[in-house]
N, C-alpha and C. Protein backbone atom coordinates (compact mmCIF):
# COMPACT_ATOMS: atom_id res chain seq x y z
N UNK A 1 146.38 13.33 -142.96
CA UNK A 1 144.98 13.38 -143.26
C UNK A 1 144.50 11.94 -143.13
N UNK A 2 143.20 11.96 -142.27
CA UNK A 2 142.33 10.46 -141.88
C UNK A 2 141.90 9.98 -143.07
N UNK A 3 141.76 8.84 -143.14
CA UNK A 3 141.48 8.03 -144.26
C UNK A 3 139.78 7.45 -144.07
N UNK A 4 139.21 7.31 -145.06
CA UNK A 4 137.73 6.94 -144.81
C UNK A 4 138.01 5.30 -144.28
N UNK A 5 137.11 5.01 -143.21
CA UNK A 5 137.37 3.34 -142.84
C UNK A 5 135.91 2.77 -143.17
N UNK A 6 135.98 1.52 -143.52
CA UNK A 6 134.82 0.70 -143.90
C UNK A 6 134.02 0.65 -142.45
N UNK A 7 132.97 0.83 -142.23
CA UNK A 7 132.16 0.51 -141.04
C UNK A 7 132.23 -0.96 -140.57
N UNK A 8 132.07 -1.69 -141.24
CA UNK A 8 132.08 -3.34 -140.77
C UNK A 8 133.52 -3.65 -140.10
N UNK A 9 134.54 -3.12 -140.65
CA UNK A 9 135.63 -3.83 -140.29
C UNK A 9 136.70 -2.53 -139.62
N UNK A 10 136.60 -1.41 -139.88
CA UNK A 10 137.46 -0.45 -139.09
C UNK A 10 138.43 -0.22 -140.08
N UNK A 11 138.59 -1.17 -141.23
CA UNK A 11 139.65 -0.82 -142.04
C UNK A 11 139.71 -0.06 -143.27
N UNK A 12 140.70 0.59 -143.66
CA UNK A 12 140.53 1.47 -145.00
C UNK A 12 140.17 0.62 -146.06
N UNK A 13 139.36 1.41 -147.19
CA UNK A 13 139.04 0.85 -148.13
C UNK A 13 140.24 0.60 -149.24
N UNK A 14 140.11 -0.16 -150.03
CA UNK A 14 141.00 -0.70 -151.05
C UNK A 14 141.90 0.32 -151.54
N UNK A 15 141.08 1.22 -151.97
CA UNK A 15 141.66 2.35 -152.74
C UNK A 15 142.48 3.12 -151.93
N UNK A 16 141.73 3.71 -150.54
CA UNK A 16 142.38 4.26 -149.78
C UNK A 16 143.95 3.69 -149.33
N UNK A 17 143.75 2.38 -149.46
CA UNK A 17 144.95 1.51 -148.99
C UNK A 17 146.16 1.69 -150.05
N UNK A 18 145.77 1.92 -151.01
CA UNK A 18 146.55 2.01 -152.49
C UNK A 18 147.30 3.27 -152.39
N UNK A 19 146.23 4.29 -152.26
CA UNK A 19 146.74 5.58 -152.15
C UNK A 19 147.85 6.08 -151.27
N UNK A 20 147.60 5.27 -150.02
CA UNK A 20 148.47 5.79 -148.88
C UNK A 20 149.73 4.98 -149.10
N UNK A 21 149.70 3.78 -149.51
CA UNK A 21 150.96 3.04 -150.04
C UNK A 21 151.63 3.66 -151.01
N UNK A 22 151.45 4.26 -152.15
CA UNK A 22 151.87 4.96 -152.99
C UNK A 22 152.45 6.40 -152.34
N UNK A 23 151.71 6.95 -151.46
CA UNK A 23 152.33 8.05 -150.72
C UNK A 23 153.49 7.63 -149.82
N UNK A 24 153.50 6.71 -149.38
CA UNK A 24 154.59 6.15 -148.48
C UNK A 24 155.84 5.81 -149.51
N UNK A 25 155.46 5.15 -150.46
CA UNK A 25 156.69 4.76 -151.32
C UNK A 25 157.08 6.22 -151.87
N UNK A 26 156.66 7.24 -152.15
CA UNK A 26 157.20 8.55 -152.62
C UNK A 26 157.79 9.01 -151.56
N UNK A 27 157.48 9.12 -150.51
CA UNK A 27 158.35 9.55 -149.27
C UNK A 27 159.65 8.87 -149.17
N UNK A 28 159.52 7.48 -148.96
CA UNK A 28 160.61 6.63 -149.08
C UNK A 28 161.78 6.84 -150.31
N UNK A 29 161.29 7.15 -151.42
CA UNK A 29 161.92 7.62 -152.34
C UNK A 29 162.48 8.61 -152.33
N UNK A 30 161.94 9.57 -151.91
CA UNK A 30 162.64 11.35 -151.68
C UNK A 30 163.82 11.01 -151.06
N UNK A 31 164.36 10.33 -150.15
CA UNK A 31 165.57 10.14 -149.16
C UNK A 31 165.27 11.12 -148.22
N UNK A 32 164.35 11.85 -148.09
CA UNK A 32 164.00 12.62 -146.81
C UNK A 32 163.87 12.33 -145.42
N UNK A 33 163.46 10.76 -145.61
CA UNK A 33 163.05 10.42 -144.17
C UNK A 33 164.60 9.78 -143.39
N UNK A 34 164.28 9.95 -142.20
CA UNK A 34 165.52 9.21 -141.45
C UNK A 34 165.28 7.75 -141.35
N UNK A 35 166.39 7.17 -141.15
CA UNK A 35 166.30 5.60 -140.61
C UNK A 35 165.18 5.33 -139.99
N UNK A 36 164.95 5.87 -138.83
CA UNK A 36 163.75 5.43 -138.49
C UNK A 36 162.41 5.56 -138.89
N UNK A 37 162.26 6.80 -139.52
CA UNK A 37 161.29 7.11 -140.21
C UNK A 37 161.04 6.19 -141.41
N UNK A 38 162.11 5.88 -141.94
CA UNK A 38 162.09 5.01 -143.07
C UNK A 38 161.45 3.36 -142.72
N UNK A 39 162.02 3.16 -141.67
CA UNK A 39 161.47 1.83 -140.89
C UNK A 39 160.17 1.84 -140.57
N UNK A 40 159.62 2.93 -139.80
CA UNK A 40 158.07 3.22 -139.70
C UNK A 40 157.15 3.20 -140.82
N UNK A 41 157.88 3.94 -141.85
CA UNK A 41 156.93 3.86 -142.93
C UNK A 41 157.17 2.63 -143.92
N UNK A 42 158.02 1.67 -143.76
CA UNK A 42 158.23 0.18 -144.41
C UNK A 42 157.20 -0.44 -143.67
N UNK A 43 157.05 -0.42 -142.28
CA UNK A 43 156.30 -1.44 -141.35
C UNK A 43 154.69 -0.89 -142.09
N UNK A 44 154.45 0.57 -141.97
CA UNK A 44 153.24 0.81 -142.48
C UNK A 44 152.77 0.24 -143.75
N UNK A 45 153.78 0.46 -144.63
CA UNK A 45 153.55 0.02 -146.00
C UNK A 45 153.34 -1.51 -146.02
N UNK A 46 154.05 -2.34 -145.47
CA UNK A 46 153.89 -3.81 -145.38
C UNK A 46 152.46 -3.77 -144.85
N UNK A 47 151.77 -3.29 -143.79
CA UNK A 47 150.44 -3.79 -143.15
C UNK A 47 149.69 -3.47 -143.91
N UNK A 48 149.94 -2.10 -145.13
CA UNK A 48 148.87 -1.86 -146.18
C UNK A 48 148.74 -2.74 -147.14
N UNK A 49 150.20 -3.51 -147.44
CA UNK A 49 150.07 -4.35 -148.61
C UNK A 49 149.35 -5.51 -148.07
N UNK A 50 149.48 -6.07 -146.96
CA UNK A 50 148.81 -7.21 -146.41
C UNK A 50 147.21 -6.96 -146.47
N UNK A 51 146.85 -5.65 -146.04
CA UNK A 51 145.39 -5.55 -146.14
C UNK A 51 144.70 -5.30 -147.67
N UNK A 52 145.69 -4.64 -148.65
CA UNK A 52 145.14 -4.93 -149.86
C UNK A 52 145.13 -6.13 -150.52
N UNK A 53 146.19 -6.93 -150.10
CA UNK A 53 146.26 -8.39 -150.80
C UNK A 53 145.02 -9.17 -150.49
N UNK A 54 144.74 -9.05 -149.02
CA UNK A 54 143.47 -9.70 -148.46
C UNK A 54 142.20 -9.43 -149.02
N UNK A 55 142.17 -7.82 -149.36
CA UNK A 55 140.97 -7.27 -149.84
C UNK A 55 140.84 -7.96 -151.38
N UNK A 56 141.98 -7.99 -152.02
CA UNK A 56 141.89 -8.60 -153.58
C UNK A 56 141.47 -10.13 -153.39
N UNK A 57 142.01 -10.93 -152.59
CA UNK A 57 141.66 -12.32 -152.31
C UNK A 57 140.23 -12.37 -152.21
N UNK A 58 139.65 -11.71 -151.47
CA UNK A 58 138.48 -11.61 -150.80
C UNK A 58 137.43 -11.26 -152.08
N UNK A 59 137.73 -10.43 -152.87
CA UNK A 59 137.12 -9.88 -154.02
C UNK A 59 137.20 -11.28 -154.97
N UNK A 60 138.13 -11.70 -155.40
CA UNK A 60 138.45 -12.90 -156.18
C UNK A 60 137.60 -13.81 -155.84
N UNK A 61 137.46 -14.16 -154.45
CA UNK A 61 136.65 -15.24 -154.04
C UNK A 61 135.15 -15.08 -154.11
N UNK A 62 134.84 -13.77 -153.97
CA UNK A 62 133.29 -13.41 -154.26
C UNK A 62 133.14 -13.72 -155.47
N UNK A 63 133.92 -13.11 -156.49
CA UNK A 63 133.55 -13.24 -158.13
C UNK A 63 133.45 -14.76 -158.38
N UNK A 64 134.34 -15.54 -158.00
CA UNK A 64 134.28 -17.00 -158.30
C UNK A 64 132.77 -17.74 -157.63
N UNK A 65 132.23 -17.15 -156.51
CA UNK A 65 131.10 -17.72 -156.06
C UNK A 65 129.99 -17.10 -156.70
N UNK A 66 130.21 -15.96 -157.02
CA UNK A 66 129.03 -15.14 -158.25
C UNK A 66 128.87 -15.83 -159.45
N UNK A 67 129.99 -16.45 -159.94
CA UNK A 67 129.95 -17.08 -161.26
C UNK A 67 129.72 -18.63 -161.26
N UNK A 68 129.46 -19.07 -160.12
CA UNK A 68 129.46 -20.49 -159.97
C UNK A 68 127.87 -20.68 -160.47
N UNK A 69 127.91 -21.98 -161.47
CA UNK A 69 126.49 -22.25 -161.92
C UNK A 69 126.61 -23.67 -161.66
N UNK A 70 125.62 -24.17 -161.16
CA UNK A 70 124.87 -25.82 -161.07
C UNK A 70 126.15 -26.61 -160.43
N UNK A 71 126.87 -25.75 -159.20
CA UNK A 71 127.56 -26.85 -158.74
C UNK A 71 129.21 -26.79 -159.43
N UNK A 72 129.13 -26.08 -160.63
CA UNK A 72 130.41 -26.06 -161.28
C UNK A 72 130.94 -24.57 -161.31
N UNK A 73 132.25 -24.48 -161.27
CA UNK A 73 132.87 -23.23 -161.21
C UNK A 73 133.39 -22.97 -162.77
N UNK A 74 132.71 -21.89 -163.17
CA UNK A 74 133.06 -21.27 -164.48
C UNK A 74 133.89 -19.98 -164.53
N UNK A 75 135.26 -20.26 -164.48
CA UNK A 75 136.00 -19.30 -164.34
C UNK A 75 136.14 -18.30 -165.69
N UNK A 76 135.82 -17.23 -165.71
CA UNK A 76 136.15 -16.51 -166.74
C UNK A 76 137.34 -15.67 -166.80
N UNK A 77 137.90 -15.48 -167.87
CA UNK A 77 139.00 -14.50 -167.81
C UNK A 77 138.46 -13.17 -168.40
N UNK A 78 138.79 -12.24 -167.52
CA UNK A 78 138.21 -10.70 -167.55
C UNK A 78 138.55 -10.16 -168.90
N UNK A 79 140.08 -10.40 -169.29
CA UNK A 79 140.40 -9.51 -170.42
C UNK A 79 139.83 -10.48 -171.87
N UNK A 80 138.95 -11.66 -171.84
CA UNK A 80 138.85 -12.03 -173.34
C UNK A 80 137.21 -11.55 -173.24
N UNK A 81 136.72 -10.90 -172.41
CA UNK A 81 134.97 -10.33 -172.72
C UNK A 81 134.03 -11.60 -172.58
N UNK A 82 134.41 -12.67 -172.10
CA UNK A 82 133.63 -13.66 -171.76
C UNK A 82 132.61 -13.26 -170.82
């Protein structure tokens, strides 16, 4: 099944990457993949993991930029409700 790609980058959305990564983990844990299939799944999983981490880093940077006030960065903990 083809996943939706973002028009600007041609990469999957963060949510689609995570869903595909979960699917890969399930297939690998099932023990039904051959060694070659497991290696291919692992490679795909590593690629998706790197893309998801990059998306999270970009989102974190954007949040930091959005809450910057008067030249000072005021980081807020999302759990405390600040």
